[in-house]
Amino acid sequence: MIANPKNNHAHEYHNTNKPFKHSMLMSGGGSRFGYYLGMYAAAIASNKKPDAIFATCGGAIAAGIVGSFESIKEQKEALLSHEIHQMSQRIQYNKRHSLINVFLDIGKRYLHRRATDIFPDLHHDALFNINDNDTPLFPFTPNYASNNCTIAIIGSKLCFNNNQVGTKRHASPLFEEVIFSNRKGISALINAPYSPHSSLIKNTFKKEDSVSFQDAIRISVSDIYYLPPYSVAGENYMGGMLDLVPFHLAQHCSTTLSLEAKQPFSNFSAVPAFLYLLGYNPNDVQQAIPHRPQDIWINTSDSPKELKAHQINKKIDLLSNQIVIDTPSYDQFCTMMQAQWDYGYQRALIAFKQHHK
């Protein structure tokens, strides 16, 4: 699963037909999203500033900070801000789920290990929720074009409605991939070939330039089984897990990519969840990503271990019979985000230096 560092000893390829020279992929990360800002800062320090970012799930938060602030100093201050700390506290456990039901559902998916044949109740299945009042989840006002960088956020649109929940889906897909960006980002993906990871995902993707960046972030972080669907203009959306590492779309419009060699997903909990609702094994997809000599691979495979004490963790509370989020104080949050930023910066700096050899 880890990228072979020998693949980095090669020159860059220049294709004048591609609108972007260097795209950085911010793929997932969860509550460890701070390390993507360190990676971005390392790219600047290495004279490899990306002119495009493709972001999914937690990475969308980091991309939003890049889209909101010009300088690395401002971005880091935003990462350590009270506003981002308060944002992290808005995610709460859905108390309708008892511990026994949570573990029974995980066990059922592990034994099932295949795609669902019914339209799922994604609102009911979500373990957590966000109080979506009049205040956007993301506290700043980002722009899809910032720092001379075009930003694209990956999400998904539901291909069924509430009346179909619980009925047989037959061969119908559950999700359609959606790319949220500005006109430049959308036009860069015109005629991009598209092949979804499974038949549960529609065989075409949607390009959307009318949804605000703040809404796109809120959509992208709505992971299956984690948060319920989020509605914008009458459409129900979910997060970017259906294309967590959007390599193929990014390489269509970019000469060089910087992306992660990520840790494997859990075969007990994560892989069965992917198989059940998305129809594919994410570890197989990650292993199949081409290792092109012009791309820059950043090794974050040990991030769950190295940042275990520097992320927002969940724990089991037997007395309340639920899973609780171990919410850090503001000072703890700042220490956590600083550690994440440092981790991403150092790992990316190593990768950029190796790529220059």
Protein backbone atom coordinates (compact mmCIF):
# COMPACT_ATOMS: atom_id res chain seq x y z
CA MET A 1 0.00 0.00 0.00
CA ILE A 2 2.95 2.34 0.58
CA ALA A 3 4.26 4.07 -2.50
CA ASN A 4 7.64 2.78 -3.61
CA PRO A 5 10.05 5.69 -3.09
CA LYS A 6 12.07 4.51 -6.11
CA ASN A 7 9.21 5.71 -8.27
CA ASN A 8 10.07 9.28 -7.31
CA HIS A 9 13.47 9.35 -9.05
CA ALA A 10 12.31 10.75 -12.35
CA HIS A 11 11.80 14.03 -14.14
CA GLU A 12 8.48 15.82 -14.29
CA TYR A 13 6.41 15.62 -17.42
CA HIS A 14 5.06 18.80 -18.92
CA ASN A 15 1.82 18.67 -20.85
CA THR A 16 0.72 22.09 -22.05
CA ASN A 17 -2.75 20.70 -22.74
CA LYS A 18 -3.44 20.27 -19.03
CA PRO A 19 -4.71 23.35 -17.19
CA PHE A 20 -2.90 22.60 -13.92
CA LYS A 21 0.79 21.91 -13.38
CA HIS A 22 0.52 20.53 -9.84
CA SER A 23 -2.57 19.35 -7.98
CA MET A 24 -2.47 18.40 -4.31
CA LEU A 25 -4.93 15.75 -3.11
CA MET A 26 -6.28 16.20 0.42
CA SER A 27 -7.95 12.83 0.79
CA GLY A 28 -9.91 12.22 3.97
CA GLY A 29 -7.95 12.61 7.17
CA GLY A 30 -10.96 12.82 9.48
CA SER A 31 -10.13 14.90 12.55
CA ARG A 32 -6.47 14.83 11.49
CA PHE A 33 -7.20 17.38 8.74
CA GLY A 34 -4.58 19.76 10.17
CA TYR A 35 -1.74 17.84 8.58
CA TYR A 36 -2.94 18.81 5.10
CA LEU A 37 -2.17 22.45 5.89
CA GLY A 38 1.33 21.37 6.89
CA MET A 39 1.64 19.52 3.57
CA TYR A 40 0.52 22.64 1.71
CA ALA A 41 3.06 24.78 3.60
CA ALA A 42 5.81 22.28 2.75
CA ALA A 43 4.88 22.53 -0.93
CA ILE A 44 5.28 26.32 -0.74
CA ALA A 45 8.62 25.97 1.08
CA SER A 46 9.80 23.51 -1.61
CA ASN A 47 8.82 25.83 -4.49
CA LYS A 48 6.14 23.30 -5.49
CA LYS A 49 3.08 25.43 -4.83
CA PRO A 50 -0.01 23.61 -6.12
CA ASP A 51 -2.21 25.47 -8.57
CA ALA A 52 -5.11 23.11 -7.81
CA ILE A 53 -6.41 21.17 -4.80
CA PHE A 54 -8.79 18.21 -4.89
CA ALA A 55 -10.22 17.61 -1.42
CA THR A 56 -12.50 15.03 0.18
CA CYS A 57 -14.03 14.56 3.64
CA GLY A 58 -11.79 16.04 6.37
CA GLY A 59 -9.44 17.33 3.69
CA ALA A 60 -12.22 19.67 2.58
CA ILE A 61 -11.85 21.59 5.86
CA ALA A 62 -8.14 22.12 5.21
CA ALA A 63 -8.89 23.15 1.62
CA GLY A 64 -11.45 25.62 2.97
CA ILE A 65 -8.78 27.25 5.13
CA VAL A 66 -6.49 27.54 2.09
CA GLY A 67 -9.41 29.07 0.23
CA SER A 68 -10.03 31.58 3.02
CA PHE A 69 -6.55 32.90 3.82
CA GLU A 70 -3.66 33.94 1.60
CA SER A 71 -0.56 33.40 3.72
CA ILE A 72 0.71 30.31 5.52
CA LYS A 73 0.78 32.37 8.73
CA GLU A 74 -2.90 33.27 8.38
CA GLN A 75 -3.83 29.68 7.51
CA LYS A 76 -2.05 28.38 10.60
CA GLU A 77 -3.71 30.99 12.79
CA ALA A 78 -7.08 29.91 11.38
CA LEU A 79 -6.30 26.25 12.09
CA LEU A 80 -5.57 27.14 15.74
CA SER A 81 -8.53 29.52 16.03
CA HIS A 82 -11.47 29.45 18.43
CA GLU A 83 -13.73 29.25 15.37
CA ILE A 84 -12.31 25.92 14.17
CA HIS A 85 -12.33 24.60 17.75
CA GLN A 86 -16.01 25.52 18.05
CA MET A 87 -16.69 23.88 14.67
CA SER A 88 -15.24 20.61 15.96
CA GLN A 89 -17.58 20.72 18.96
CA ARG A 90 -20.73 20.84 16.86
CA ILE A 91 -20.58 17.12 16.05
CA GLN A 92 -22.64 15.19 18.61
CA TYR A 93 -23.51 11.52 19.14
CA ASN A 94 -26.92 10.40 17.90
CA LYS A 95 -28.46 9.07 21.12
CA ARG A 96 -30.90 6.79 19.32
CA HIS A 97 -28.01 4.32 18.87
CA SER A 98 -27.27 2.05 21.83
CA LEU A 99 -23.87 0.39 22.06
CA ILE A 100 -25.32 -3.08 21.51
CA ASN A 101 -27.03 -1.94 18.30
CA VAL A 102 -23.87 -0.26 17.03
CA PHE A 103 -21.80 -3.40 17.47
CA LEU A 104 -24.55 -5.64 16.11
CA ASP A 105 -24.69 -3.53 12.94
CA ILE A 106 -20.89 -3.67 12.56
CA GLY A 107 -20.99 -7.45 13.03
CA LYS A 108 -23.78 -7.86 10.48
CA ARG A 109 -21.87 -5.89 7.86
CA TYR A 110 -18.70 -7.88 8.58
CA LEU A 111 -20.53 -11.17 8.00
CA HIS A 112 -22.50 -9.81 5.03
CA ARG A 113 -19.49 -8.30 3.19
CA ARG A 114 -21.39 -7.43 0.03
CA ALA A 115 -23.45 -4.61 -1.40
CA THR A 116 -26.88 -3.86 0.00
CA ASP A 117 -29.87 -4.84 -2.13
CA ILE A 118 -32.18 -2.20 -0.62
CA PHE A 119 -32.20 1.58 -0.47
CA PRO A 120 -30.65 2.40 2.95
CA ASP A 121 -31.91 4.76 5.63
CA LEU A 122 -28.85 7.00 5.83
CA HIS A 123 -30.50 9.40 8.28
CA HIS A 124 -31.24 6.64 10.77
CA ASP A 125 -27.88 4.88 10.37
CA ALA A 126 -25.74 7.96 11.13
CA LEU A 127 -23.93 7.64 14.47
CA PHE A 128 -23.47 11.40 14.83
CA ASN A 129 -25.25 14.56 13.82
CA ILE A 130 -24.64 18.28 13.51
CA ASN A 131 -27.02 20.98 14.63
CA ASP A 132 -27.33 22.73 11.27
CA ASN A 133 -28.77 26.02 12.45
CA ASP A 134 -28.41 29.27 10.53
CA THR A 135 -24.64 29.23 11.13
CA PRO A 136 -22.57 27.32 8.52
CA LEU A 137 -20.43 24.51 9.92
CA PHE A 138 -17.28 25.98 8.36
CA PRO A 139 -16.72 29.34 10.09
CA PHE A 140 -14.86 31.25 7.37
CA THR A 141 -15.83 32.38 3.86
CA PRO A 142 -13.63 30.51 1.38
CA ASN A 143 -13.26 31.04 -2.33
CA TYR A 144 -12.82 28.23 -4.88
CA ALA A 145 -10.10 30.40 -6.45
CA SER A 146 -7.62 31.59 -3.86
CA ASN A 147 -3.85 32.01 -3.75
CA ASN A 148 -3.85 31.44 -7.53
CA CYS A 149 -5.08 27.96 -6.65
CA THR A 150 -8.28 26.37 -7.95
CA ILE A 151 -10.03 24.19 -5.36
CA ALA A 152 -12.40 21.30 -6.09
CA ILE A 153 -14.38 19.51 -3.37
CA ILE A 154 -15.63 15.94 -3.79
CA GLY A 155 -19.08 14.93 -2.59
CA SER A 156 -21.96 12.70 -3.64
CA LYS A 157 -25.65 13.09 -4.43
CA LEU A 158 -28.24 10.52 -3.39
CA CYS A 159 -29.90 8.77 -6.33
CA PHE A 160 -33.02 7.83 -4.35
CA ASN A 161 -35.61 9.57 -2.17
CA ASN A 162 -37.06 8.94 1.27
CA ASN A 163 -40.07 7.09 -0.16
CA GLN A 164 -37.75 4.41 -1.58
CA VAL A 165 -35.95 3.68 1.70
CA GLY A 166 -36.26 0.00 2.62
CA THR A 167 -37.37 -1.10 -0.86
CA LYS A 168 -35.37 -3.21 -3.30
CA ARG A 169 -32.92 -1.18 -5.33
CA HIS A 170 -32.43 -3.89 -7.98
CA ALA A 171 -29.65 -2.51 -10.21
CA SER A 172 -30.16 1.15 -9.30
CA PRO A 173 -27.13 3.12 -8.07
CA LEU A 174 -27.21 4.78 -4.66
CA PHE A 175 -24.86 7.70 -5.28
CA GLU A 176 -23.63 10.06 -7.97
CA GLU A 177 -20.21 11.68 -7.57
CA VAL A 178 -20.31 15.49 -7.55
CA ILE A 179 -17.40 17.90 -8.04
CA PHE A 180 -17.94 21.32 -6.46
CA SER A 181 -15.73 24.08 -7.82
CA ASN A 182 -15.71 27.32 -9.79
CA ARG A 183 -15.99 27.61 -13.57
CA LYS A 184 -12.26 27.05 -14.07
CA GLY A 185 -12.30 23.89 -12.00
CA ILE A 186 -15.41 22.61 -13.74
CA SER A 187 -14.11 23.37 -17.24
CA ALA A 188 -10.85 21.55 -16.44
CA LEU A 189 -12.88 18.35 -16.05
CA ILE A 190 -14.80 18.64 -19.31
CA ASN A 191 -14.45 15.38 -21.24
CA ALA A 192 -12.76 13.70 -18.27
CA PRO A 193 -13.20 9.92 -18.56
CA TYR A 194 -15.05 8.45 -15.60
CA SER A 195 -15.27 4.94 -14.24
CA PRO A 196 -16.90 4.52 -10.81
CA HIS A 197 -15.52 2.02 -8.33
CA SER A 198 -18.73 -0.05 -8.36
CA SER A 199 -22.26 -0.30 -9.75
CA LEU A 200 -23.61 1.35 -6.59
CA ILE A 201 -22.14 4.58 -7.96
CA LYS A 202 -23.64 6.19 -11.07
CA ASN A 203 -21.46 5.83 -14.18
CA THR A 204 -21.39 9.59 -14.81
CA PHE A 205 -20.33 12.39 -12.47
CA LYS A 206 -21.85 15.81 -11.92
CA LYS A 207 -19.98 19.12 -12.08
CA GLU A 208 -21.50 21.80 -9.84
CA ASP A 209 -20.49 25.47 -9.68
CA SER A 210 -23.61 26.90 -8.01
CA VAL A 211 -23.10 25.46 -4.50
CA SER A 212 -21.18 27.63 -2.03
CA PHE A 213 -17.78 26.48 -0.80
CA GLN A 214 -19.14 26.39 2.78
CA ASP A 215 -21.94 24.04 1.74
CA ALA A 216 -19.51 21.91 -0.27
CA ILE A 217 -17.37 21.42 2.85
CA ARG A 218 -20.43 20.49 4.90
CA ILE A 219 -21.42 17.99 2.21
CA SER A 220 -17.97 16.44 1.86
CA VAL A 221 -17.56 15.69 5.59
CA SER A 222 -20.88 13.80 5.73
CA ASP A 223 -19.38 10.33 5.66
CA ILE A 224 -21.68 7.31 5.47
CA TYR A 225 -22.53 5.90 8.92
CA TYR A 226 -20.94 9.01 10.47
CA LEU A 227 -23.27 11.88 9.56
CA PRO A 228 -26.70 11.96 7.86
CA PRO A 229 -27.29 13.41 4.38
CA TYR A 230 -27.17 17.18 4.02
CA SER A 231 -29.73 19.02 1.91
CA VAL A 232 -28.95 21.93 -0.41
CA ALA A 233 -31.60 23.40 -2.75
CA GLY A 234 -33.80 20.33 -2.37
CA GLU A 235 -31.06 17.81 -3.19
CA ASN A 236 -29.69 15.35 -0.62
CA TYR A 237 -25.92 14.96 -0.52
CA MET A 238 -23.38 12.76 1.25
CA GLY A 239 -19.61 12.96 1.62
CA GLY A 240 -16.70 12.18 -0.65
CA MET A 241 -16.00 8.60 0.46
CA LEU A 242 -17.13 7.23 -2.90
CA ASP A 243 -13.93 8.70 -4.42
CA LEU A 244 -11.72 9.25 -1.39
CA VAL A 245 -8.54 9.59 -3.46
CA PRO A 246 -9.74 11.26 -6.70
CA PHE A 247 -6.59 10.33 -8.61
CA HIS A 248 -8.19 9.75 -12.00
CA LEU A 249 -10.09 13.03 -12.14
CA ALA A 250 -7.11 15.01 -10.86
CA GLN A 251 -4.61 13.44 -13.27
CA HIS A 252 -6.92 14.24 -16.20
CA CYS A 253 -6.29 17.97 -15.71
CA SER A 254 -2.93 18.01 -13.88
CA THR A 255 0.63 17.26 -14.96
CA THR A 256 1.86 16.35 -11.47
CA LEU A 257 -0.01 15.17 -8.38
CA SER A 258 1.04 15.17 -4.76
CA LEU A 259 -0.89 12.57 -2.80
CA GLU A 260 -0.67 10.31 0.21
CA ALA A 261 0.46 6.76 0.74
CA LYS A 262 -2.26 6.16 3.32
CA GLN A 263 -2.80 3.53 5.99
CA PRO A 264 -4.96 0.49 5.13
CA PHE A 265 -8.60 0.60 6.16
CA SER A 266 -9.81 -1.74 8.91
CA ASN A 267 -10.94 -5.08 7.50
CA PHE A 268 -13.35 -5.45 10.42
CA SER A 269 -15.25 -2.16 10.42
CA ALA A 270 -14.34 0.12 7.50
CA VAL A 271 -14.06 -2.33 4.59
CA PRO A 272 -17.49 -3.98 5.23
CA ALA A 273 -19.08 -0.50 5.45
CA PHE A 274 -17.57 0.46 2.08
CA LEU A 275 -18.67 -2.84 0.55
CA TYR A 276 -22.21 -2.52 1.86
CA LEU A 277 -23.00 1.03 0.74
CA LEU A 278 -20.37 1.82 -1.90
CA GLY A 279 -19.77 -1.65 -3.35
CA TYR A 280 -15.97 -1.69 -3.29
CA ASN A 281 -12.98 -2.47 -1.08
CA PRO A 282 -11.08 0.80 -0.45
CA ASN A 283 -7.81 -1.06 0.15
CA ASP A 284 -8.01 -2.62 -3.32
CA VAL A 285 -8.68 0.80 -4.85
CA GLN A 286 -5.75 2.41 -3.03
CA GLN A 287 -3.39 -0.37 -4.11
CA ALA A 288 -4.48 0.06 -7.73
CA ILE A 289 -3.55 3.76 -7.94
CA PRO A 290 -0.78 4.07 -10.56
CA HIS A 291 2.63 5.12 -9.25
CA ARG A 292 3.67 7.53 -11.99
CA PRO A 293 7.22 8.91 -11.87
CA GLN A 294 6.05 12.54 -12.05
CA ASP A 295 3.88 12.26 -8.93
CA ILE A 296 4.94 13.06 -5.36
CA TRP A 297 3.95 10.47 -2.76
CA ILE A 298 3.73 11.64 0.86
CA ASN A 299 3.90 8.82 3.40
CA THR A 300 1.17 9.32 6.01
CA SER A 301 0.56 5.62 6.61
CA ASP A 302 1.52 5.91 10.28
CA SER A 303 -0.64 8.97 10.98
CA PRO A 304 -3.20 7.03 13.10
CA LYS A 305 -0.34 5.90 15.35
CA GLU A 306 1.75 9.07 15.36
CA LEU A 307 -1.25 11.36 15.86
CA LYS A 308 -3.33 9.12 18.12
CA ALA A 309 -2.91 11.54 21.02
CA HIS A 310 -3.42 14.52 18.71
CA GLN A 311 -6.83 13.88 17.19
CA ILE A 312 -10.43 13.99 18.37
CA ASN A 313 -11.02 10.47 19.63
CA LYS A 314 -14.22 8.58 20.34
CA LYS A 315 -14.65 6.37 23.38
CA ILE A 316 -17.21 3.94 24.77
CA ASP A 317 -19.21 5.10 27.79
CA LEU A 318 -20.79 2.04 29.37
CA LEU A 319 -22.77 4.07 31.91
CA SER A 320 -24.56 6.09 29.25
CA ASN A 321 -24.62 3.15 26.80
CA GLN A 322 -23.26 5.25 23.97
CA ILE A 323 -20.17 6.41 22.13
CA VAL A 324 -18.93 9.81 23.23
CA ILE A 325 -16.58 12.24 21.53
CA ASP A 326 -13.60 13.12 23.69
CA THR A 327 -13.89 16.87 23.12
CA PRO A 328 -10.64 18.75 23.79
CA SER A 329 -10.40 22.09 25.53
CA TYR A 330 -9.24 25.00 23.39
CA ASP A 331 -5.66 24.71 24.67
CA GLN A 332 -5.65 20.95 24.02
CA PHE A 333 -7.08 21.59 20.56
CA CYS A 334 -4.28 24.03 19.72
CA THR A 335 -1.65 21.51 20.84
CA MET A 336 -3.37 18.86 18.74
CA MET A 337 -3.55 20.96 15.58
CA GLN A 338 0.03 22.17 15.94
CA ALA A 339 1.19 18.53 16.14
CA GLN A 340 -0.86 17.67 13.04
CA TRP A 341 0.53 20.63 11.10
CA ASP A 342 4.11 19.70 12.07
CA TYR A 343 3.55 16.07 11.06
CA GLY A 344 2.19 17.01 7.63
CA TYR A 345 4.92 19.57 7.04
CA GLN A 346 7.77 17.17 7.86
CA ARG A 347 6.33 14.24 5.89
CA ALA A 348 5.67 16.39 2.83
CA LEU A 349 9.08 18.09 3.04
CA ILE A 350 10.75 14.66 2.91
CA ALA A 351 8.65 13.68 -0.12
CA PHE A 352 9.35 16.89 -2.04
CA LYS A 353 13.09 16.59 -1.36
CA GLN A 354 13.14 12.96 -2.54
CA HIS A 355 11.29 13.94 -5.68
CA HIS A 356 13.99 16.49 -6.57
CA LYS A 357 16.79 13.88 -6.43
